[in-house]
Amino acid sequence: MVEWTAEERAAIQGVFNKLDYESVGRESLTRCLVVYPWTRRYFGGFGNLFNAEAIMANPKVAAHGIVVLQGLEKALKNMDDIKNTYASLSEFHSVKLQVDPVNFQLLSDCLTVVIATRLRTEFTPDVQAAWQKFLAVVVSALSRQYH
């Protein structure tokens, strides 16, 4: 079980309070698909993903970006039991979608870059440390089914 300080909880909640799910979700998923093009194989039903402009304009990418952030919000609301909160999602990604769990970390890194560019000086080292810890727990929970 992960222990969270009051400061970490407040920092993570503070990041969420400043997120525009539509733009941050779309930009984060777009960044992942552009920077790591092999991740596109999991989105074959999304249509044109041939270049950055097409990916950014793709409504299915935008919609899935929102889904990702809503999933993270679910973890935020269950910070003391993220592992069990994500059990079915881990199984779904492992068994049905067969997503390589490394991709969870890649997307979390892209999300962090986007958030850092948005929050700028508000994304202090302490806020980033809490955010990275949160994402590490989420990635671990999503990867649980694979172990």
N, C-alpha and C. Protein backbone atom coordinates (compact mmCIF):
# COMPACT_ATOMS: atom_id res chain seq x y z
N MET A 1 0.85 -1.19 0.00
CA MET A 1 0.00 0.00 0.00
C MET A 1 0.89 1.24 0.00
N VAL A 2 0.50 2.20 -0.78
CA VAL A 2 1.24 3.45 -0.89
C VAL A 2 0.75 4.41 0.18
N GLU A 3 1.69 5.07 0.79
CA GLU A 3 1.36 6.10 1.78
C GLU A 3 1.42 7.46 1.09
N TRP A 4 0.40 8.26 1.30
CA TRP A 4 0.33 9.60 0.72
C TRP A 4 0.34 10.63 1.83
N THR A 5 1.18 11.64 1.69
CA THR A 5 1.15 12.74 2.65
C THR A 5 0.03 13.69 2.27
N ALA A 6 -0.36 14.52 3.21
CA ALA A 6 -1.38 15.53 2.92
C ALA A 6 -0.90 16.47 1.82
N GLU A 7 0.38 16.77 1.80
CA GLU A 7 0.95 17.66 0.78
C GLU A 7 0.88 17.01 -0.60
N GLU A 8 1.17 15.70 -0.68
CA GLU A 8 1.09 14.99 -1.96
C GLU A 8 -0.34 14.97 -2.47
N ARG A 9 -1.27 14.65 -1.59
CA ARG A 9 -2.68 14.63 -1.98
C ARG A 9 -3.13 15.99 -2.51
N ALA A 10 -2.72 17.03 -1.81
CA ALA A 10 -3.10 18.39 -2.22
C ALA A 10 -2.46 18.75 -3.56
N ALA A 11 -1.21 18.37 -3.75
CA ALA A 11 -0.52 18.68 -5.01
C ALA A 11 -1.19 17.97 -6.19
N ILE A 12 -1.52 16.71 -6.00
CA ILE A 12 -2.16 15.93 -7.07
C ILE A 12 -3.55 16.50 -7.38
N GLN A 13 -4.30 16.79 -6.35
CA GLN A 13 -5.62 17.39 -6.54
C GLN A 13 -5.48 18.74 -7.23
N GLY A 14 -4.45 19.49 -6.87
CA GLY A 14 -4.21 20.79 -7.49
C GLY A 14 -3.94 20.67 -8.98
N VAL A 15 -3.20 19.66 -9.38
CA VAL A 15 -2.97 19.44 -10.81
C VAL A 15 -4.29 19.16 -11.50
N PHE A 16 -5.09 18.26 -10.94
CA PHE A 16 -6.38 17.93 -11.55
C PHE A 16 -7.29 19.15 -11.65
N ASN A 17 -7.25 20.00 -10.65
CA ASN A 17 -8.11 21.19 -10.66
C ASN A 17 -7.80 22.11 -11.82
N LYS A 18 -6.60 22.03 -12.35
CA LYS A 18 -6.17 22.93 -13.42
C LYS A 18 -6.24 22.30 -14.80
N LEU A 19 -6.65 21.04 -14.89
CA LEU A 19 -6.65 20.34 -16.17
C LEU A 19 -7.90 20.64 -16.99
N ASP A 20 -7.70 20.95 -18.24
CA ASP A 20 -8.76 20.99 -19.22
C ASP A 20 -8.70 19.62 -19.90
N TYR A 21 -9.59 18.73 -19.52
CA TYR A 21 -9.52 17.34 -19.97
C TYR A 21 -9.47 17.22 -21.49
N GLU A 22 -10.25 18.04 -22.18
CA GLU A 22 -10.31 17.92 -23.64
C GLU A 22 -8.96 18.24 -24.29
N SER A 23 -8.38 19.36 -23.94
CA SER A 23 -7.13 19.73 -24.60
C SER A 23 -5.93 18.95 -24.07
N VAL A 24 -5.86 18.74 -22.78
CA VAL A 24 -4.73 18.01 -22.20
C VAL A 24 -4.78 16.54 -22.62
N GLY A 25 -5.96 15.95 -22.62
CA GLY A 25 -6.10 14.56 -23.05
C GLY A 25 -5.71 14.37 -24.49
N ARG A 26 -6.23 15.21 -25.36
CA ARG A 26 -5.90 15.13 -26.79
C ARG A 26 -4.41 15.34 -27.02
N GLU A 27 -3.85 16.37 -26.42
CA GLU A 27 -2.43 16.67 -26.63
C GLU A 27 -1.52 15.58 -26.09
N SER A 28 -1.87 15.01 -24.95
CA SER A 28 -1.04 13.96 -24.36
C SER A 28 -1.05 12.69 -25.21
N LEU A 29 -2.25 12.27 -25.62
CA LEU A 29 -2.34 11.07 -26.45
C LEU A 29 -1.71 11.31 -27.82
N THR A 30 -1.91 12.50 -28.38
CA THR A 30 -1.27 12.85 -29.65
C THR A 30 0.24 12.77 -29.52
N ARG A 31 0.78 13.35 -28.47
CA ARG A 31 2.23 13.34 -28.25
C ARG A 31 2.74 11.90 -28.18
N CYS A 32 2.01 11.05 -27.48
CA CYS A 32 2.42 9.65 -27.36
C CYS A 32 2.43 8.97 -28.72
N LEU A 33 1.39 9.18 -29.49
CA LEU A 33 1.27 8.53 -30.79
C LEU A 33 2.29 9.05 -31.81
N VAL A 34 2.70 10.30 -31.65
CA VAL A 34 3.69 10.88 -32.56
C VAL A 34 5.11 10.51 -32.13
N VAL A 35 5.41 10.67 -30.86
CA VAL A 35 6.76 10.41 -30.36
C VAL A 35 7.07 8.92 -30.38
N TYR A 36 6.08 8.11 -30.09
CA TYR A 36 6.24 6.65 -30.07
C TYR A 36 5.28 6.04 -31.09
N PRO A 37 5.60 6.12 -32.36
CA PRO A 37 4.65 5.73 -33.41
C PRO A 37 4.19 4.28 -33.34
N TRP A 38 4.97 3.40 -32.74
CA TRP A 38 4.54 2.00 -32.63
C TRP A 38 3.31 1.85 -31.74
N THR A 39 3.00 2.87 -30.92
CA THR A 39 1.81 2.78 -30.08
C THR A 39 0.52 2.91 -30.89
N ARG A 40 0.64 3.37 -32.13
CA ARG A 40 -0.55 3.53 -32.99
C ARG A 40 -1.22 2.19 -33.28
N ARG A 41 -0.49 1.11 -33.16
CA ARG A 41 -1.08 -0.20 -33.51
C ARG A 41 -2.28 -0.55 -32.63
N TYR A 42 -2.37 0.05 -31.46
CA TYR A 42 -3.50 -0.22 -30.57
C TYR A 42 -4.72 0.61 -30.91
N PHE A 43 -4.58 1.50 -31.88
CA PHE A 43 -5.66 2.41 -32.23
C PHE A 43 -6.05 2.27 -33.70
N GLY A 44 -6.00 1.06 -34.21
CA GLY A 44 -6.29 0.80 -35.62
C GLY A 44 -7.67 1.23 -36.06
N GLY A 45 -8.61 1.24 -35.17
CA GLY A 45 -9.97 1.65 -35.50
C GLY A 45 -10.21 3.15 -35.45
N PHE A 46 -9.16 3.91 -35.21
CA PHE A 46 -9.31 5.36 -35.05
C PHE A 46 -9.21 6.11 -36.37
N GLY A 47 -8.90 5.42 -37.46
CA GLY A 47 -8.80 6.10 -38.75
C GLY A 47 -7.41 6.65 -39.00
N ASN A 48 -7.35 7.82 -39.61
CA ASN A 48 -6.10 8.43 -40.05
C ASN A 48 -5.21 8.84 -38.86
N LEU A 49 -4.11 8.12 -38.71
CA LEU A 49 -3.10 8.45 -37.70
C LEU A 49 -1.73 8.53 -38.35
N PHE A 50 -1.68 9.05 -39.58
CA PHE A 50 -0.46 9.00 -40.38
C PHE A 50 0.55 10.09 -40.06
N ASN A 51 0.11 11.20 -39.46
CA ASN A 51 1.05 12.25 -39.10
C ASN A 51 0.49 13.04 -37.92
N ALA A 52 1.30 13.94 -37.38
CA ALA A 52 0.92 14.69 -36.19
C ALA A 52 -0.36 15.50 -36.39
N GLU A 53 -0.49 16.14 -37.55
CA GLU A 53 -1.67 16.96 -37.81
C GLU A 53 -2.94 16.11 -37.84
N ALA A 54 -2.86 14.96 -38.49
CA ALA A 54 -4.03 14.06 -38.57
C ALA A 54 -4.39 13.52 -37.19
N ILE A 55 -3.38 13.17 -36.42
CA ILE A 55 -3.63 12.65 -35.07
C ILE A 55 -4.28 13.72 -34.20
N MET A 56 -3.74 14.93 -34.24
CA MET A 56 -4.26 16.02 -33.41
C MET A 56 -5.70 16.36 -33.80
N ALA A 57 -6.04 16.22 -35.07
CA ALA A 57 -7.39 16.55 -35.54
C ALA A 57 -8.37 15.39 -35.41
N ASN A 58 -7.89 14.22 -35.04
CA ASN A 58 -8.72 13.02 -35.00
C ASN A 58 -9.67 13.07 -33.80
N PRO A 59 -10.98 13.05 -34.02
CA PRO A 59 -11.93 13.14 -32.91
C PRO A 59 -11.88 11.92 -31.98
N LYS A 60 -11.49 10.76 -32.50
CA LYS A 60 -11.40 9.57 -31.65
C LYS A 60 -10.21 9.67 -30.70
N VAL A 61 -9.13 10.29 -31.15
CA VAL A 61 -7.98 10.53 -30.28
C VAL A 61 -8.39 11.49 -29.17
N ALA A 62 -9.08 12.57 -29.55
CA ALA A 62 -9.54 13.55 -28.57
C ALA A 62 -10.45 12.89 -27.53
N ALA A 63 -11.38 12.08 -27.99
CA ALA A 63 -12.32 11.42 -27.09
C ALA A 63 -11.60 10.46 -26.16
N HIS A 64 -10.64 9.71 -26.69
CA HIS A 64 -9.92 8.75 -25.85
C HIS A 64 -9.01 9.47 -24.85
N GLY A 65 -8.50 10.62 -25.23
CA GLY A 65 -7.70 11.41 -24.29
C GLY A 65 -8.52 11.79 -23.07
N ILE A 66 -9.78 12.14 -23.29
CA ILE A 66 -10.68 12.46 -22.18
C ILE A 66 -10.92 11.22 -21.33
N VAL A 67 -11.11 10.08 -21.97
CA VAL A 67 -11.33 8.82 -21.24
C VAL A 67 -10.13 8.52 -20.33
N VAL A 68 -8.93 8.74 -20.85
CA VAL A 68 -7.72 8.50 -20.06
C VAL A 68 -7.72 9.39 -18.82
N LEU A 69 -8.01 10.66 -19.00
CA LEU A 69 -8.02 11.56 -17.84
C LEU A 69 -9.14 11.24 -16.86
N GLN A 70 -10.27 10.81 -17.37
CA GLN A 70 -11.36 10.38 -16.47
C GLN A 70 -10.94 9.14 -15.68
N GLY A 71 -10.17 8.27 -16.33
CA GLY A 71 -9.65 7.10 -15.62
C GLY A 71 -8.68 7.51 -14.53
N LEU A 72 -7.86 8.50 -14.81
CA LEU A 72 -6.95 8.99 -13.78
C LEU A 72 -7.72 9.65 -12.64
N GLU A 73 -8.80 10.31 -12.97
CA GLU A 73 -9.63 10.92 -11.93
C GLU A 73 -10.21 9.84 -11.02
N LYS A 74 -10.53 8.70 -11.60
CA LYS A 74 -11.01 7.56 -10.79
C LYS A 74 -9.93 7.13 -9.80
N ALA A 75 -8.68 7.13 -10.24
CA ALA A 75 -7.57 6.80 -9.34
C ALA A 75 -7.44 7.86 -8.25
N LEU A 76 -7.60 9.13 -8.63
CA LEU A 76 -7.54 10.22 -7.67
C LEU A 76 -8.57 10.03 -6.56
N LYS A 77 -9.77 9.62 -6.94
CA LYS A 77 -10.85 9.44 -5.97
C LYS A 77 -10.67 8.18 -5.12
N ASN A 78 -9.74 7.31 -5.52
CA ASN A 78 -9.50 6.06 -4.80
C ASN A 78 -8.00 5.88 -4.52
N MET A 79 -7.35 6.97 -4.11
CA MET A 79 -5.89 6.94 -3.96
C MET A 79 -5.39 5.88 -2.99
N ASP A 80 -6.21 5.49 -2.04
CA ASP A 80 -5.78 4.51 -1.07
C ASP A 80 -5.99 3.07 -1.54
N ASP A 81 -6.56 2.90 -2.73
CA ASP A 81 -6.78 1.56 -3.26
C ASP A 81 -6.77 1.56 -4.79
N ILE A 82 -5.76 2.18 -5.37
CA ILE A 82 -5.67 2.28 -6.82
C ILE A 82 -5.53 0.89 -7.45
N LYS A 83 -4.80 0.02 -6.81
CA LYS A 83 -4.57 -1.32 -7.36
C LYS A 83 -5.89 -2.04 -7.61
N ASN A 84 -6.75 -2.07 -6.63
CA ASN A 84 -8.04 -2.75 -6.81
C ASN A 84 -8.99 -1.95 -7.69
N THR A 85 -8.90 -0.64 -7.64
CA THR A 85 -9.73 0.22 -8.48
C THR A 85 -9.46 -0.06 -9.95
N TYR A 86 -8.22 -0.36 -10.29
CA TYR A 86 -7.81 -0.58 -11.67
C TYR A 86 -7.74 -2.06 -12.05
N ALA A 87 -8.17 -2.95 -11.20
CA ALA A 87 -8.04 -4.39 -11.49
C ALA A 87 -8.72 -4.79 -12.80
N SER A 88 -9.95 -4.37 -13.01
CA SER A 88 -10.66 -4.76 -14.25
C SER A 88 -10.07 -4.06 -15.47
N LEU A 89 -9.62 -2.82 -15.29
CA LEU A 89 -9.00 -2.09 -16.39
C LEU A 89 -7.66 -2.73 -16.79
N SER A 90 -6.93 -3.21 -15.81
CA SER A 90 -5.68 -3.92 -16.08
C SER A 90 -5.95 -5.20 -16.86
N GLU A 91 -6.96 -5.93 -16.42
CA GLU A 91 -7.32 -7.17 -17.11
C GLU A 91 -7.78 -6.88 -18.55
N PHE A 92 -8.57 -5.85 -18.73
CA PHE A 92 -9.07 -5.48 -20.05
C PHE A 92 -7.92 -5.15 -21.00
N HIS A 93 -6.97 -4.34 -20.53
CA HIS A 93 -5.83 -3.96 -21.37
C HIS A 93 -4.90 -5.14 -21.65
N SER A 94 -4.83 -6.05 -20.71
CA SER A 94 -3.94 -7.21 -20.86
C SER A 94 -4.57 -8.29 -21.74
N VAL A 95 -5.75 -8.72 -21.39
CA VAL A 95 -6.37 -9.87 -22.04
C VAL A 95 -7.04 -9.49 -23.36
N LYS A 96 -7.88 -8.48 -23.35
CA LYS A 96 -8.63 -8.14 -24.55
C LYS A 96 -7.81 -7.31 -25.55
N LEU A 97 -7.18 -6.25 -25.06
CA LEU A 97 -6.46 -5.35 -25.96
C LEU A 97 -5.01 -5.76 -26.20
N GLN A 98 -4.46 -6.53 -25.29
CA GLN A 98 -3.07 -7.01 -25.35
C GLN A 98 -2.09 -5.84 -25.53
N VAL A 99 -2.29 -4.82 -24.73
CA VAL A 99 -1.41 -3.64 -24.76
C VAL A 99 -0.14 -3.96 -24.00
N ASP A 100 1.00 -3.65 -24.61
CA ASP A 100 2.29 -3.80 -23.93
C ASP A 100 2.29 -2.81 -22.76
N PRO A 101 2.52 -3.27 -21.54
CA PRO A 101 2.42 -2.38 -20.38
C PRO A 101 3.43 -1.23 -20.39
N VAL A 102 4.48 -1.33 -21.17
CA VAL A 102 5.43 -0.22 -21.29
C VAL A 102 4.73 1.03 -21.81
N ASN A 103 3.68 0.84 -22.58
CA ASN A 103 2.95 1.98 -23.15
C ASN A 103 2.26 2.83 -22.08
N PHE A 104 1.91 2.24 -20.96
CA PHE A 104 1.31 3.02 -19.88
C PHE A 104 2.31 4.07 -19.38
N GLN A 105 3.56 3.66 -19.25
CA GLN A 105 4.59 4.58 -18.80
C GLN A 105 4.85 5.66 -19.85
N LEU A 106 4.88 5.26 -21.11
CA LEU A 106 5.10 6.23 -22.19
C LEU A 106 4.01 7.31 -22.18
N LEU A 107 2.76 6.88 -22.05
CA LEU A 107 1.67 7.85 -22.02
C LEU A 107 1.75 8.72 -20.77
N SER A 108 2.11 8.14 -19.65
CA SER A 108 2.21 8.95 -18.43
C SER A 108 3.32 9.99 -18.56
N ASP A 109 4.42 9.62 -19.23
CA ASP A 109 5.49 10.59 -19.47
C ASP A 109 5.01 11.73 -20.36
N CYS A 110 4.27 11.39 -21.41
CA CYS A 110 3.73 12.42 -22.31
C CYS A 110 2.75 13.33 -21.57
N LEU A 111 1.94 12.75 -20.73
CA LEU A 111 1.00 13.54 -19.93
C LEU A 111 1.74 14.51 -19.02
N THR A 112 2.81 14.05 -18.42
CA THR A 112 3.60 14.91 -17.54
C THR A 112 4.21 16.07 -18.31
N VAL A 113 4.71 15.80 -19.50
CA VAL A 113 5.28 16.87 -20.33
C VAL A 113 4.21 17.92 -20.64
N VAL A 114 3.04 17.47 -21.03
CA VAL A 114 1.96 18.39 -21.37
C VAL A 114 1.56 19.22 -20.15
N ILE A 115 1.42 18.57 -19.03
CA ILE A 115 1.04 19.28 -17.80
C ILE A 115 2.12 20.29 -17.42
N ALA A 116 3.37 19.90 -17.53
CA ALA A 116 4.46 20.82 -17.19
C ALA A 116 4.44 22.06 -18.09
N THR A 117 4.14 21.85 -19.37
CA THR A 117 4.10 23.01 -20.28
C THR A 117 2.90 23.90 -19.98
N ARG A 118 1.84 23.33 -19.47
CA ARG A 118 0.65 24.12 -19.15
C ARG A 118 0.82 24.87 -17.82
N LEU A 119 1.32 24.17 -16.82
CA LEU A 119 1.39 24.75 -15.48
C LEU A 119 2.64 25.60 -15.26
N ARG A 120 3.64 25.37 -16.06
CA ARG A 120 4.90 26.12 -16.02
C ARG A 120 5.45 26.23 -14.60
N THR A 121 5.54 27.42 -14.04
CA THR A 121 6.18 27.59 -12.73
C THR A 121 5.37 26.97 -11.59
N GLU A 122 4.09 26.73 -11.82
CA GLU A 122 3.28 26.08 -10.78
C GLU A 122 3.62 24.60 -10.64
N PHE A 123 4.24 24.04 -11.68
CA PHE A 123 4.64 22.62 -11.64
C PHE A 123 6.03 22.55 -11.01
N THR A 124 6.06 22.82 -9.73
CA THR A 124 7.31 22.86 -8.97
C THR A 124 7.88 21.45 -8.83
N PRO A 125 9.14 21.33 -8.42
CA PRO A 125 9.69 20.00 -8.18
C PRO A 125 8.86 19.18 -7.19
N ASP A 126 8.33 19.80 -6.15
CA ASP A 126 7.50 19.07 -5.19
C ASP A 126 6.19 18.59 -5.81
N VAL A 127 5.58 19.44 -6.61
CA VAL A 127 4.35 19.04 -7.30
C VAL A 127 4.66 17.93 -8.28
N GLN A 128 5.74 18.07 -9.02
CA GLN A 128 6.11 17.02 -9.97
C GLN A 128 6.39 15.70 -9.24
N ALA A 129 7.07 15.77 -8.12
CA ALA A 129 7.37 14.54 -7.37
C ALA A 129 6.09 13.82 -6.96
N ALA A 130 5.12 14.57 -6.46
CA ALA A 130 3.83 13.97 -6.07
C ALA A 130 3.12 13.41 -7.30
N TRP A 131 3.13 14.16 -8.40
CA TRP A 131 2.46 13.75 -9.63
C TRP A 131 3.10 12.47 -10.17
N GLN A 132 4.43 12.44 -10.21
CA GLN A 132 5.14 11.25 -10.71
C GLN A 132 4.87 10.03 -9.83
N LYS A 133 4.79 10.23 -8.55
CA LYS A 133 4.48 9.13 -7.64
C LYS A 133 3.07 8.60 -7.94
N PHE A 134 2.14 9.51 -8.13
CA PHE A 134 0.76 9.13 -8.45
C PHE A 134 0.72 8.31 -9.74
N LEU A 135 1.38 8.83 -10.78
CA LEU A 135 1.37 8.12 -12.06
C LEU A 135 2.09 6.77 -11.95
N ALA A 136 3.14 6.68 -11.16
CA ALA A 136 3.84 5.41 -10.98
C ALA A 136 2.92 4.37 -10.35
N VAL A 137 2.11 4.79 -9.42
CA VAL A 137 1.16 3.87 -8.78
C VAL A 137 0.10 3.44 -9.80
N VAL A 138 -0.37 4.37 -10.60
CA VAL A 138 -1.36 4.05 -11.63
C VAL A 138 -0.77 3.08 -12.65
N VAL A 139 0.43 3.36 -13.13
CA VAL A 139 1.08 2.48 -14.11
C VAL A 139 1.28 1.09 -13.52
N SER A 140 1.69 1.03 -12.29
CA SER A 140 1.87 -0.27 -11.63
C SER A 140 0.55 -1.03 -11.54
N ALA A 141 -0.52 -0.31 -11.19
CA ALA A 141 -1.84 -0.94 -11.08
C ALA A 141 -2.32 -1.44 -12.45
N LEU A 142 -2.11 -0.64 -13.49
CA LEU A 142 -2.51 -1.06 -14.83
C LEU A 142 -1.69 -2.25 -15.32
N SER A 143 -0.47 -2.33 -14.87
CA SER A 143 0.43 -3.41 -15.30
C SER A 143 0.30 -4.68 -14.46
N ARG A 144 -0.49 -4.63 -13.42
CA ARG A 144 -0.61 -5.72 -12.46
C ARG A 144 -1.00 -7.05 -13.11
N GLN A 145 -1.94 -7.02 -14.02
CA GLN A 145 -2.44 -8.23 -14.68
C GLN A 145 -1.35 -8.97 -15.45
N TYR A 146 -0.32 -8.24 -15.82
CA TYR A 146 0.74 -8.81 -16.66
C TYR A 146 1.73 -9.64 -15.85
N HIS A 147 1.71 -9.48 -14.54
CA HIS A 147 2.72 -10.15 -13.69
C HIS A 147 2.22 -11.49 -13.18
